[in-house]
Amino acid sequence: MAAVMDYLIVSIILLAIGIYGLTVKRNFIRMLFAVEIIINAANINLIAFSTFTQTAAGQSFALFSIAIAAAEVAVGLALIIVVYRIYKDIDVKGLNRLSG
């Protein structure tokens, strides 16, 4: 069985990839994927510590987190569709016209 540190290393790598994706990419869909990667890193942490402490609390929190992430994806994709219909582009830099 793998140690908790192995899961934490994978989670840190996923978190770094997600933060990189949020800061560098300027496409809505890529940014949405980056947020999902960050959420998956948090879920790995929850499940790793739940396994380490022999309780089911972390696993139940991870299930709620997955449900919330699914709702977040649905709302994010709806926003992407609306922005594409209006501006014919999903580049984040070109959306400064949304502010007031």
Protein backbone atom coordinates (compact mmCIF):
# COMPACT_ATOMS: atom_id res chain seq x y z
CA MET A 1 0.00 0.00 0.00
CA ALA A 2 1.28 3.43 -0.89
CA ALA A 3 2.13 5.90 1.80
CA VAL A 4 0.23 9.12 2.33
CA MET A 5 3.23 11.09 1.12
CA ASP A 6 2.89 9.54 -2.36
CA TYR A 7 -0.67 10.83 -2.63
CA LEU A 8 0.38 14.24 -1.36
CA ILE A 9 3.11 14.48 -4.00
CA VAL A 10 0.61 13.65 -6.75
CA SER A 11 -1.79 16.20 -5.29
CA ILE A 12 0.89 18.91 -5.20
CA ILE A 13 1.79 18.20 -8.82
CA LEU A 14 -1.87 18.44 -9.86
CA LEU A 15 -2.28 21.66 -7.89
CA ALA A 16 0.75 23.19 -9.59
CA ILE A 17 -0.54 22.18 -13.03
CA GLY A 18 -3.95 23.67 -12.23
CA ILE A 19 -2.51 26.96 -10.99
CA TYR A 20 -0.29 27.15 -14.06
CA GLY A 21 -3.33 26.57 -16.26
CA LEU A 22 -5.29 29.34 -14.54
CA THR A 23 -2.52 31.89 -14.74
CA VAL A 24 -1.20 31.26 -18.26
CA LYS A 25 -4.12 30.10 -20.39
CA ARG A 26 -6.59 32.66 -21.71
CA ASN A 27 -9.26 30.31 -23.02
CA PHE A 28 -12.40 29.74 -20.95
CA ILE A 29 -12.45 26.00 -21.54
CA ARG A 30 -8.80 25.55 -20.60
CA MET A 31 -9.36 27.60 -17.48
CA LEU A 32 -12.34 25.42 -16.60
CA PHE A 33 -10.16 22.33 -17.00
CA ALA A 34 -7.55 23.93 -14.73
CA VAL A 35 -10.15 24.51 -12.02
CA GLU A 36 -11.22 20.88 -12.32
CA ILE A 37 -7.61 19.75 -11.90
CA ILE A 38 -7.34 21.84 -8.72
CA ILE A 39 -10.55 20.32 -7.37
CA ASN A 40 -9.23 16.83 -8.14
CA ALA A 41 -6.03 17.64 -6.22
CA ALA A 42 -8.14 18.58 -3.20
CA ASN A 43 -10.16 15.36 -3.56
CA ILE A 44 -6.98 13.29 -3.59
CA ASN A 45 -5.94 14.97 -0.34
CA LEU A 46 -9.31 14.30 1.27
CA ILE A 47 -9.29 10.64 0.32
CA ALA A 48 -5.62 10.13 1.27
CA PHE A 49 -6.12 11.53 4.76
CA SER A 50 -9.38 9.64 5.12
CA THR A 51 -7.57 6.41 4.31
CA PHE A 52 -4.73 7.33 6.68
CA THR A 53 -7.06 8.04 9.62
CA GLN A 54 -9.36 5.08 8.85
CA THR A 55 -12.52 7.22 8.79
CA ALA A 56 -15.06 7.80 6.06
CA ALA A 57 -15.43 11.54 6.61
CA GLY A 58 -12.89 12.51 3.93
CA GLN A 59 -14.47 10.21 1.40
CA SER A 60 -17.92 11.67 1.99
CA PHE A 61 -16.50 15.21 1.68
CA ALA A 62 -14.85 14.15 -1.59
CA LEU A 63 -18.21 12.90 -2.91
CA PHE A 64 -19.82 16.26 -2.07
CA SER A 65 -16.90 18.02 -3.71
CA ILE A 66 -17.37 15.98 -6.89
CA ALA A 67 -21.08 16.88 -6.94
CA ILE A 68 -20.29 20.57 -6.49
CA ALA A 69 -17.64 20.37 -9.24
CA ALA A 70 -20.21 18.88 -11.62
CA ALA A 71 -22.59 21.76 -10.92
CA GLU A 72 -19.73 24.22 -11.39
CA VAL A 73 -18.93 22.71 -14.80
CA ALA A 74 -22.55 23.02 -15.87
CA VAL A 75 -22.67 26.69 -14.92
CA GLY A 76 -19.27 27.34 -16.48
CA LEU A 77 -20.24 25.75 -19.78
CA ALA A 78 -23.48 27.74 -19.82
CA LEU A 79 -21.48 30.94 -19.37
CA ILE A 80 -19.11 29.92 -22.14
CA ILE A 81 -22.03 29.34 -24.51
CA VAL A 82 -23.56 32.73 -23.70
CA VAL A 83 -20.24 34.55 -24.14
CA TYR A 84 -19.60 32.77 -27.43
CA ARG A 85 -23.05 33.67 -28.74
CA ILE A 86 -22.52 37.34 -27.92
CA TYR A 87 -18.84 37.86 -28.82
CA LYS A 88 -18.12 34.92 -31.19
CA ASP A 89 -14.93 34.26 -29.20
CA ILE A 90 -14.11 32.68 -25.85
CA ASP A 91 -10.84 34.48 -25.26
CA VAL A 92 -10.74 35.94 -21.76
CA LYS A 93 -8.69 39.00 -22.69
CA GLY A 94 -11.33 40.30 -25.08
CA LEU A 95 -14.08 40.33 -22.47
CA ASN A 96 -13.31 43.69 -20.87
CA ARG A 97 -16.59 44.98 -22.30
CA LEU A 98 -18.50 43.02 -19.65
CA SER A 99 -17.50 45.44 -16.90
CA GLY A 100 -20.23 48.04 -16.44
